[in-house]
Structure formats: structure tokens, C-alpha cells
Protein backbone atom coordinates (compact mmCIF):
# COMPACT_ATOMS: atom_id res chain seq x y z
CA MET A 1 128.99 97.45 261.97
CA ARG A 2 129.22 96.33 258.32
CA ALA A 3 132.05 97.32 256.00
CA LEU A 4 133.64 96.45 252.65
CA VAL A 5 136.81 94.54 253.52
CA TYR A 6 139.79 93.82 251.25
CA HIS A 7 141.07 90.25 251.49
CA GLY A 8 143.91 90.40 248.96
CA PRO A 9 144.05 90.95 245.19
CA GLY A 10 140.68 90.25 243.61
CA GLN A 11 138.99 89.49 246.93
CA LYS A 12 136.53 91.62 248.91
CA SER A 13 133.41 91.08 251.01
CA TRP A 14 130.75 92.98 252.95
CA ASP A 15 131.61 91.87 256.49
CA GLU A 16 130.62 92.46 260.08
CA VAL A 17 133.55 94.18 261.82
CA PRO A 18 134.13 96.02 265.12
CA ASP A 19 132.87 99.59 265.39
CA PRO A 20 135.61 102.23 265.19
CA GLN A 21 136.73 103.90 268.41
CA ILE A 22 138.29 107.27 269.28
CA LEU A 23 142.05 106.63 269.43
CA GLN A 24 143.44 110.17 269.53
CA PRO A 25 142.00 113.37 271.04
CA THR A 26 141.88 114.92 267.54
CA ASP A 27 139.64 112.11 266.18
CA VAL A 28 135.93 112.09 265.47
CA ILE A 29 133.64 109.18 264.65
CA VAL A 30 131.37 109.71 261.67
CA LYS A 31 128.28 107.75 260.66
CA MET A 32 128.50 107.51 256.88
CA ASP A 33 125.59 109.06 255.03
CA ALA A 34 127.00 108.62 251.52
CA THR A 35 130.12 107.14 249.98
CA THR A 36 131.33 105.98 246.56
CA ILE A 37 133.80 103.75 244.73
CA CYS A 38 136.95 105.14 243.10
CA GLY A 39 139.13 103.85 240.30
CA THR A 40 141.88 103.69 242.92
CA ASP A 41 139.83 101.05 244.76
CA LEU A 42 139.95 98.97 241.58
CA HIS A 43 143.73 99.45 241.41
CA ILE A 44 143.94 98.18 245.01
CA LEU A 45 141.85 95.13 244.14
CA SER A 46 144.13 94.50 241.16
CA GLY A 47 147.13 94.39 243.50
CA ASP A 48 148.59 97.67 242.24
CA VAL A 49 148.82 99.20 245.74
CA PRO A 50 150.72 96.66 247.87
CA ALA A 51 150.65 98.90 250.97
CA VAL A 52 146.98 97.94 251.33
CA THR A 53 146.97 94.76 253.40
CA PRO A 54 144.26 92.11 253.80
CA GLY A 55 141.66 93.09 256.39
CA ARG A 56 141.64 96.76 255.41
CA ILE A 57 138.28 98.50 255.02
CA LEU A 58 138.35 100.23 251.63
CA GLY A 59 137.11 103.67 250.59
CA HIS A 60 138.42 107.21 250.91
CA GLU A 61 135.44 109.39 249.95
CA GLY A 62 132.26 110.28 251.73
CA VAL A 63 129.89 112.47 253.66
CA GLY A 64 128.75 111.62 257.16
CA THR A 65 127.36 112.87 260.43
CA VAL A 66 129.59 113.27 263.48
CA THR A 67 128.53 110.93 266.30
CA GLU A 68 131.47 111.32 268.71
CA VAL A 69 134.33 113.82 269.11
CA GLY A 70 137.75 113.57 270.72
CA ASP A 71 138.70 115.72 273.71
CA ALA A 72 140.82 118.11 271.61
CA VAL A 73 138.12 118.79 269.01
CA THR A 74 136.48 122.19 269.51
CA THR A 75 135.17 123.24 266.08
CA LEU A 76 133.09 120.14 265.35
CA ALA A 77 130.12 118.80 267.31
CA VAL A 78 127.93 115.75 267.36
CA GLY A 79 125.33 116.17 264.64
CA ASP A 80 127.53 118.11 262.20
CA GLN A 81 127.33 116.78 258.65
CA VAL A 82 130.74 116.86 257.01
CA ILE A 83 132.62 116.06 253.80
CA LEU A 84 135.59 113.79 254.44
CA ALA A 85 138.62 114.85 252.40
CA CYS A 86 140.36 111.87 250.84
CA VAL A 87 143.67 113.20 252.18
CA SER A 88 144.14 113.68 255.94
CA ALA A 89 146.25 116.49 257.34
CA CYS A 90 147.70 116.94 260.82
CA GLY A 91 148.02 120.69 260.14
CA LYS A 92 151.27 120.96 262.10
CA CYS A 93 154.09 119.35 260.09
CA ASP A 94 156.24 121.23 257.57
CA TYR A 95 154.37 119.77 254.61
CA CYS A 96 150.97 120.72 256.00
CA LYS A 97 152.19 124.26 256.68
CA GLN A 98 153.10 124.45 252.97
CA GLY A 99 149.68 123.12 251.95
CA VAL A 100 151.19 119.83 250.75
CA TYR A 101 148.77 117.71 252.74
CA SER A 102 149.39 114.68 250.54
CA HIS A 103 152.74 114.25 252.31
CA CYS A 104 151.59 114.94 255.85
CA GLN A 105 154.22 113.80 258.36
CA GLY A 106 151.66 112.98 261.04
CA ASP A 107 151.72 109.72 262.93
CA GLU A 108 148.67 108.11 261.30
CA GLY A 109 149.36 105.36 258.76
CA ALA A 110 152.90 106.17 257.67
CA PRO A 111 154.73 109.51 257.88
CA GLY A 112 154.80 111.29 254.55
CA ILE A 113 151.52 109.92 253.19
CA GLY A 114 148.33 111.95 253.57
CA TRP A 115 146.16 109.43 251.76
CA ILE A 116 145.42 107.04 254.61
CA PHE A 117 141.69 106.19 254.36
CA GLY A 118 141.26 102.78 252.73
CA HIS A 119 145.03 102.63 252.29
CA LEU A 120 146.89 102.69 255.59
CA ILE A 121 143.90 102.90 257.96
CA ASP A 122 140.30 101.75 257.63
CA GLY A 123 138.25 103.69 255.14
CA THR A 124 134.83 105.03 254.32
CA GLN A 125 133.00 102.13 252.67
CA ALA A 126 131.49 101.31 256.02
CA GLU A 127 128.65 102.28 258.32
CA TYR A 128 131.03 104.24 260.60
CA VAL A 129 134.57 105.57 260.23
CA ARG A 130 137.18 107.04 262.55
CA VAL A 131 138.46 110.35 261.14
CA PRO A 132 141.95 111.40 262.31
CA TYR A 133 142.97 115.08 262.46
CA ALA A 134 139.30 115.81 262.03
CA GLU A 135 139.40 119.60 262.30
CA ASN A 136 141.91 119.78 259.43
CA SER A 137 140.44 116.99 257.32
CA VAL A 138 136.69 117.57 257.05
CA TYR A 139 134.49 120.36 255.68
CA LYS A 140 131.07 121.16 257.06
CA LEU A 141 128.40 120.52 254.47
CA PRO A 142 126.35 123.65 253.67
CA SER A 143 122.58 123.24 253.62
CA THR A 144 122.61 124.07 249.89
CA VAL A 145 124.86 121.09 249.05
CA SER A 146 123.48 117.54 249.21
CA PRO A 147 125.42 114.59 250.65
CA GLU A 148 125.62 113.07 247.15
CA GLN A 149 127.18 116.28 245.83
CA GLY A 150 129.55 116.38 248.78
CA VAL A 151 130.86 112.89 247.95
CA ILE A 152 132.05 114.14 244.54
CA LEU A 153 134.05 116.82 246.37
CA SER A 154 135.90 114.26 248.52
CA ASP A 155 138.32 113.25 245.78
CA ILE A 156 137.64 113.41 242.05
CA LEU A 157 136.89 117.14 241.73
CA PRO A 158 139.97 118.21 243.75
CA THR A 159 142.11 115.56 242.03
CA GLY A 160 141.13 116.62 238.53
CA HIS A 161 141.48 120.28 239.44
CA GLU A 162 144.78 120.15 241.31
CA ILE A 163 146.75 117.40 239.56
CA GLY A 164 145.27 117.82 236.09
CA VAL A 165 144.42 121.49 235.70
CA GLN A 166 146.69 123.30 238.16
CA TYR A 167 149.71 121.04 237.69
CA GLY A 168 149.02 121.10 233.95
CA ARG A 169 149.21 124.91 234.05
CA VAL A 170 146.01 125.29 232.04
CA LYS A 171 145.37 128.90 231.08
CA ALA A 172 143.00 130.93 228.95
CA GLY A 173 143.21 130.08 225.27
CA ASP A 174 144.98 126.72 225.71
CA VAL A 175 144.09 123.59 223.81
CA VAL A 176 143.76 120.77 226.35
CA ALA A 177 143.50 117.04 225.67
CA VAL A 178 142.24 114.78 228.45
CA ILE A 179 143.17 111.16 227.78
CA GLY A 180 140.58 109.07 229.61
CA ALA A 181 136.99 110.21 230.10
CA GLY A 182 136.29 108.23 233.26
CA PRO A 183 135.17 110.01 236.43
CA VAL A 184 138.50 111.70 237.21
CA GLY A 185 139.01 112.65 233.57
CA LEU A 186 135.55 114.20 233.52
CA ALA A 187 136.38 116.07 236.74
CA THR A 188 139.47 117.41 235.00
CA ILE A 189 137.36 118.56 232.06
CA ALA A 190 134.77 120.21 234.31
CA THR A 191 137.35 122.18 236.27
CA ALA A 192 139.57 122.98 233.26
CA ARG A 193 136.59 124.77 231.76
CA LEU A 194 136.80 127.32 234.59
CA TYR A 195 140.19 128.53 233.28
CA GLY A 196 139.00 129.50 229.79
CA PRO A 197 140.82 127.10 227.43
CA SER A 198 139.89 127.49 223.78
CA ARG A 199 139.34 123.75 223.33
CA ILE A 200 139.04 120.73 225.59
CA ILE A 201 139.39 117.46 223.70
CA ALA A 202 138.06 114.33 225.42
CA VAL A 203 139.81 111.12 224.33
CA ASP A 204 138.60 107.63 225.27
CA LEU A 205 138.17 104.13 223.87
CA ASP A 206 134.47 104.31 224.77
CA ALA A 207 132.46 106.40 222.31
CA ASN A 208 129.72 106.82 224.92
CA ARG A 209 132.13 108.41 227.38
CA VAL A 210 133.50 110.69 224.69
CA GLU A 211 129.97 111.89 223.99
CA GLU A 212 129.15 112.19 227.70
CA ALA A 213 132.23 114.38 228.17
CA ARG A 214 130.49 117.20 226.29
CA LYS A 215 128.09 117.54 229.23
CA PHE A 216 131.10 118.29 231.44
CA GLY A 217 132.64 120.95 229.20
CA ALA A 218 134.51 119.12 226.44
CA THR A 219 134.34 120.98 223.15
CA ASP A 220 135.58 118.07 221.05
CA GLY A 221 135.89 114.31 221.29
CA VAL A 222 138.09 111.63 219.78
CA VAL A 223 137.57 107.87 220.08
CA SER A 224 141.04 106.43 220.56
CA SER A 225 140.23 103.10 218.88
CA ASP A 226 140.18 105.08 215.61
CA PRO A 227 143.57 104.49 213.92
CA ALA A 228 143.58 108.18 212.98
CA TRP A 229 143.01 109.42 216.57
CA LYS A 230 146.37 111.22 216.74
CA GLU A 231 145.94 112.91 213.38
CA LYS A 232 142.48 114.11 214.42
CA ILE A 233 143.88 115.77 217.54
CA LEU A 234 146.76 117.36 215.66
CA ALA A 235 144.31 118.67 213.06
CA MET A 236 142.59 120.62 215.85
CA THR A 237 145.89 122.32 216.73
CA ASP A 238 147.23 123.34 213.31
CA GLY A 239 149.48 120.30 213.48
CA LEU A 240 151.45 121.63 216.46
CA GLY A 241 149.97 119.53 219.27
CA VAL A 242 148.05 120.46 222.40
CA ASP A 243 149.26 122.89 225.04
CA VAL A 244 148.32 120.54 227.86
CA ALA A 245 147.91 116.75 227.68
CA ILE A 246 146.36 115.19 230.78
CA GLU A 247 146.63 111.45 231.50
CA ALA A 248 143.62 110.23 233.48
CA VAL A 249 143.77 106.44 233.19
CA GLY A 250 146.99 105.09 234.68
CA ILE A 251 148.43 102.76 232.04
CA PRO A 252 151.60 103.08 229.94
CA GLN A 253 149.69 103.39 226.66
CA THR A 254 147.72 106.46 227.72
CA PHE A 255 150.82 108.17 229.10
CA GLN A 256 152.49 107.59 225.73
CA MET A 257 149.44 109.05 224.01
CA CYS A 258 150.00 112.27 225.95
CA LEU A 259 153.61 112.41 224.79
CA ASP A 260 152.43 111.82 221.22
CA VAL A 261 150.13 114.86 221.10
CA VAL A 262 151.76 117.48 223.36
CA ARG A 263 153.43 120.35 221.55
CA PRO A 264 156.94 121.71 222.19
CA ALA A 265 156.95 123.77 225.40
CA GLY A 266 153.73 122.05 226.42
CA THR A 267 152.85 120.24 229.65
CA VAL A 268 151.91 116.64 230.39
CA ALA A 269 150.01 116.23 233.66
CA ASN A 270 149.66 112.68 234.93
CA VAL A 271 146.58 112.12 237.08
CA GLY A 272 146.14 108.35 236.69
CA VAL A 273 147.35 105.84 239.29
CA HIS A 274 149.94 103.59 237.62
CA GLY A 275 150.61 100.00 238.58
CA LYS A 276 153.32 99.35 235.98
CA PRO A 277 156.47 101.19 234.87
CA VAL A 278 156.16 103.76 232.11
CA GLU A 279 158.91 104.40 229.57
CA LEU A 280 160.11 108.01 229.54
CA PRO A 281 161.98 108.80 226.29
CA LEU A 282 164.09 111.66 227.59
CA GLN A 283 166.27 111.42 224.49
CA ASP A 284 163.31 112.81 222.54
CA LEU A 285 161.65 115.00 225.14
CA TRP A 286 164.53 117.13 226.42
CA ILE A 287 164.86 119.10 223.21
CA SER A 288 161.12 119.80 223.10
CA ASN A 289 160.97 121.67 226.42
CA ILE A 290 158.24 119.38 227.72
CA ALA A 291 157.21 119.75 231.36
CA ILE A 292 155.82 116.67 233.12
CA ALA A 293 153.83 116.95 236.34
CA MET A 294 152.31 114.30 238.59
CA GLY A 295 151.21 113.92 242.14
CA LEU A 296 148.79 112.88 244.83
CA VAL A 297 145.94 115.31 245.46
CA ASN A 298 146.34 117.67 248.42
CA THR A 299 142.63 118.61 248.60
CA ASP A 300 143.77 122.15 249.40
CA THR A 301 141.24 123.43 246.82
CA LEU A 302 138.31 121.44 248.23
CA GLY A 303 137.01 124.48 250.11
CA THR A 304 137.09 126.61 246.96
CA LEU A 305 135.37 123.95 244.90
CA LEU A 306 132.75 123.55 247.64
CA LYS A 307 131.91 127.25 247.31
CA MET A 308 131.58 126.83 243.53
CA VAL A 309 129.22 123.90 243.99
CA ALA A 310 127.18 125.83 246.55
CA SER A 311 126.89 128.76 244.11
CA ARG A 312 125.98 126.41 241.21
CA GLN A 313 129.10 127.18 239.19
CA LEU A 314 129.95 123.47 239.30
CA ASP A 315 127.37 120.69 239.09
CA PRO A 316 128.49 117.45 240.79
CA ASP A 317 125.18 115.72 240.00
CA VAL A 318 126.26 115.07 236.41
CA PHE A 319 128.93 112.67 237.69
CA ILE A 320 126.40 110.35 239.34
CA SER A 321 125.16 107.59 237.06
CA HIS A 322 124.00 104.97 239.57
CA ARG A 323 122.68 104.95 243.12
CA PHE A 324 122.69 102.06 245.60
CA ASP A 325 121.96 101.45 249.25
CA LEU A 326 125.17 101.01 251.23
CA GLY A 327 124.25 97.40 251.97
CA ASP A 328 124.23 96.70 248.21
CA ILE A 329 127.88 97.67 247.82
CA MET A 330 128.87 94.36 246.22
CA SER A 331 126.39 95.04 243.41
CA ALA A 332 127.70 98.60 243.18
CA TYR A 333 131.24 97.29 242.70
CA GLU A 334 130.05 94.96 239.95
CA THR A 335 128.40 97.89 238.18
CA PHE A 336 131.47 100.11 238.55
CA GLU A 337 133.90 97.38 237.51
CA ASN A 338 131.90 96.81 234.31
CA ALA A 339 131.55 100.46 233.37
CA ALA A 340 131.83 99.77 229.64
CA GLU A 341 128.60 97.77 229.78
CA SER A 342 126.82 99.60 232.61
CA LYS A 343 127.91 103.07 231.45
CA ALA A 344 128.78 103.83 235.07
CA LEU A 345 130.49 107.08 236.02
CA LYS A 346 130.22 107.54 239.79
CA VAL A 347 128.10 105.16 241.82
CA VAL A 348 126.87 106.71 245.07
CA LEU A 349 125.92 104.57 248.05
CA THR A 350 123.69 106.01 250.75
CA ALA A 351 122.96 104.69 254.22
CA ASP A 352 119.50 104.33 255.70
């Protein structure tokens, strides 16, 4: 088969590689119907995730059709079309029993890490993929949800919802600032809207993304290259600061921006993947009763979000800006890597 292979920082290629095989009785093999590229893939290519070693097939999102099942699999059959959760779960360890699938203690990849696709085992940017713990890690795709829509449910919608909105403790009437209006920031905005905040402020260097964020539920926008960006946010909050500041980029500057605009007794939720240390000025924060949350998505709300997509309460189609054939993945990466020029949000790749 063909797959997108990582060859070290800054290096990738669309290669011919061996087909995946059933290794455990709980595995299935899936023929990929649709996949996408994540900002985390760009962090990997930048060298920010050293656990990813050369030779790894990248990708952790997708929808596919089951072509083979392991002997222990009873609830999935050849021909089922499924959403692959970006986090795999054995379903048996203590963490899985608590719903903390991101720290699954199973024996795939490394114990304590549920994100294994494109990280510790081969991923989804390929023609076929082996799916461990399949019965606990995939969701059957309803006939009312398209494969493209299902791809958006693999990662960014659950990540924005769980790590941004739920960890941020967003509630009715809150003022929420989302720093970074890329795909995961927009997913945070779209799912925050479901909780009834009074304002959702999208903040980004790119004026186009700030404007686009209104389609996802942002009520206000601030371009952060404006020297008065902070004052504009504070002016929307009677000078007090926002109830919830959500970091959705993964660089020290945007984390600091959250600290700059959150009010006393507010919450900072970090969603972005960081590759460098961030300064935490506890000497200033402790007296302000600031709560800081962060984490790796569990995908425990994927099923709920799937129902909301199926009932048209959430529209994943608005995330998709570009479409490519799977074989054109190198061009898709170029488009996604140059989002400022291409205005890319999510690029979806579909197989023949």
C-alpha cells in the first residue's frame, strides 16, 4: 500500500510500504475512505514530538471501511464504515474504566498513552490501517453522516469540546476568549456555543480567520497584531477580563495572552500542543484564584458529538476548506502548512 511516512524533522514522503496485518485478536484492518492533516502532524514534522521515530506512518484521524476482523471482535464486521477515534482505548485498565482513555494502560505503543496512531504505531494517512482495541476505539458511521463529516469527529471536535470547553468550565453567561482561530480553535468555538456563553471572542493574527470564526459561533473578533488587542478584549468585559481564556495554538506567546486577559477566579484551558517551555508566573497568579487546565483528548464525548452532527445541531462541513485525493497528500500538506496564504482550515483526503 501507499502511506505518508515520517523520515525525521522536516522530512516526509508518500511511500510504498507493507500492508498492515492483524496482530492481536482485538484488531481490525480498515481501508481508509477519508483522512485529514492535523496541526499536531506539523508539530511532529517540526521535531516537537520526539517519540515519533523515522519510518512512522503519520495521521490519527479518519473514516474507513472494515476489511478484516480479529478473532475476538464480535460487534464489528467486514463492510462496516467506522470513525476512528484519535485516542485508542483497551477498555479494561483503570484509566479506561474512569473514562480517561488518553492514558490507557494497554500494551499498544507505550502504557499510559492513548494517542498511538501516527505517534507510537502507524497511523491513518495511508490506504489501510490496523486499528487496535477496535471495539472500544471506533464508532459506526450513521447513514446520515458523511465520511468527510466523520473525519472532523475523529479529533478536533472532541478536542475542542473536552479540553477547551469542558476543562475550561464554560457555562451559560460566560465571556470566553479563544486565542487561535485555527481548526481546533474553531472547534472550541463551535462547541462552546452549545453551553450558552454570552460572548465568544475569537483572537488570531490572521484577520481572515477572525472573520471566519463568526461562522462557527464567535460573537466578536480581535486581530492580535493590533497593539490594542488586549484593551479591546478588556473593553468587552467591563475591564475585568474574560471568564474563560482558551489557548489553541501551542506557543508561549499565546499562553501568555490567555494569562493577560483572564479575570480573577477565571479559568485558562490549554488546548495547543507545546514544543517549548512556557513561563508560569505563579507569583502573580496565586492571588488571583486562576485555574489552569490542560490535557490530551479522551474522545469520551465523540459519541455525543456524533449524535449532534447526525441531528444537525453541529455542522462539520464548515471546517472543510480543501479537498484532495489521498494520493495527492503531499500537495495537501503544502496547502495546510501554508494556511495563511491558502486560507486552509481542514483539508480532507478521500480514497478512490
